[in-house]
Amino acid sequence: MWIARPIYELLPYIYMLAGLALLGAAWLLPAGRLPSVFMVAGTLGVTAGLVLWLRRRDYRTRQAQYDARSLDD
């Protein structure tokens, strides 16, 4: 499955924004079971977005450090 590059690049930010929205909803809703579900889902969304963002940043940094030529050259 292929995702268009602009959408692919926005995914970490979308995950983090959705997670923050869920955390905000959990904060505003009255106490009960639903806010705790929103809190867990929001925390997972923010964490997933941060992990994706950090992994991509690390990959791009490492790729820039290595020679792009193949071993056969």
Protein backbone atom coordinates (compact mmCIF):
# COMPACT_ATOMS: atom_id res chain seq x y z
CA MET A 1 0.00 0.00 0.00
CA TRP A 2 1.36 3.40 -1.00
CA ILE A 3 0.48 6.68 0.66
CA ALA A 4 0.97 10.02 -1.07
CA ARG A 5 4.11 11.76 0.18
CA PRO A 6 2.36 14.85 1.65
CA ILE A 7 0.03 12.63 3.69
CA TYR A 8 2.95 10.38 4.71
CA GLU A 9 4.92 13.37 5.95
CA LEU A 10 1.93 14.69 7.94
CA LEU A 11 1.07 11.40 9.69
CA PRO A 12 3.13 11.98 12.86
CA TYR A 13 1.58 15.42 13.30
CA ILE A 14 -1.91 14.06 12.64
CA TYR A 15 -1.38 11.36 15.26
CA MET A 16 -0.13 13.90 17.79
CA LEU A 17 -2.99 16.34 17.11
CA ALA A 18 -5.59 13.57 17.38
CA GLY A 19 -3.98 12.43 20.63
CA LEU A 20 -4.00 15.94 22.03
CA ALA A 21 -7.65 16.35 21.00
CA LEU A 22 -8.55 13.13 22.82
CA LEU A 23 -6.63 14.24 25.91
CA GLY A 24 -8.45 17.57 25.81
CA ALA A 25 -11.80 15.79 25.49
CA ALA A 26 -10.90 13.57 28.45
CA TRP A 27 -10.12 16.69 30.49
CA LEU A 28 -13.43 18.37 29.64
CA LEU A 29 -15.79 15.40 30.02
CA PRO A 30 -17.29 14.60 33.42
CA ALA A 31 -15.75 11.75 35.40
CA GLY A 32 -16.62 8.25 34.27
CA ARG A 33 -15.38 5.49 32.03
CA LEU A 34 -15.31 7.42 28.73
CA PRO A 35 -12.71 10.03 29.78
CA SER A 36 -10.31 7.31 30.86
CA VAL A 37 -10.67 5.62 27.46
CA PHE A 38 -10.02 8.96 25.77
CA MET A 39 -7.00 9.51 28.00
CA VAL A 40 -5.45 6.15 27.10
CA ALA A 41 -6.18 6.62 23.38
CA GLY A 42 -4.83 10.18 23.48
CA THR A 43 -1.65 9.12 25.22
CA LEU A 44 -1.14 6.36 22.64
CA GLY A 45 -1.74 8.81 19.80
CA VAL A 46 0.76 11.35 21.10
CA THR A 47 3.30 8.61 21.79
CA ALA A 48 2.87 7.07 18.33
CA GLY A 49 3.30 10.46 16.67
CA LEU A 50 6.45 11.22 18.64
CA VAL A 51 7.93 7.79 17.92
CA LEU A 52 7.28 8.16 14.18
CA TRP A 53 8.71 11.66 14.12
CA LEU A 54 11.86 10.64 16.02
CA ARG A 55 12.40 7.48 13.96
CA ARG A 56 12.14 9.43 10.69
CA ARG A 57 14.48 12.13 11.94
CA ASP A 58 17.03 9.51 13.04
CA TYR A 59 16.75 7.63 9.72
CA ARG A 60 17.27 10.79 7.67
CA THR A 61 20.25 11.83 9.80
CA ARG A 62 21.88 8.42 9.41
CA GLN A 63 21.23 8.29 5.65
CA ALA A 64 22.99 11.62 5.21
CA GLN A 65 26.09 10.27 6.99
CA TYR A 66 26.59 7.26 4.69
CA ASP A 67 27.90 7.13 1.16
CA ALA A 68 25.10 6.56 -1.35
CA ARG A 69 27.26 4.55 -3.77
CA SER A 70 26.69 0.82 -4.00
CA LEU A 71 29.34 -1.71 -2.99
CA ASP A 72 29.78 -2.80 -6.60
CA ASP A 73 31.02 0.63 -7.75
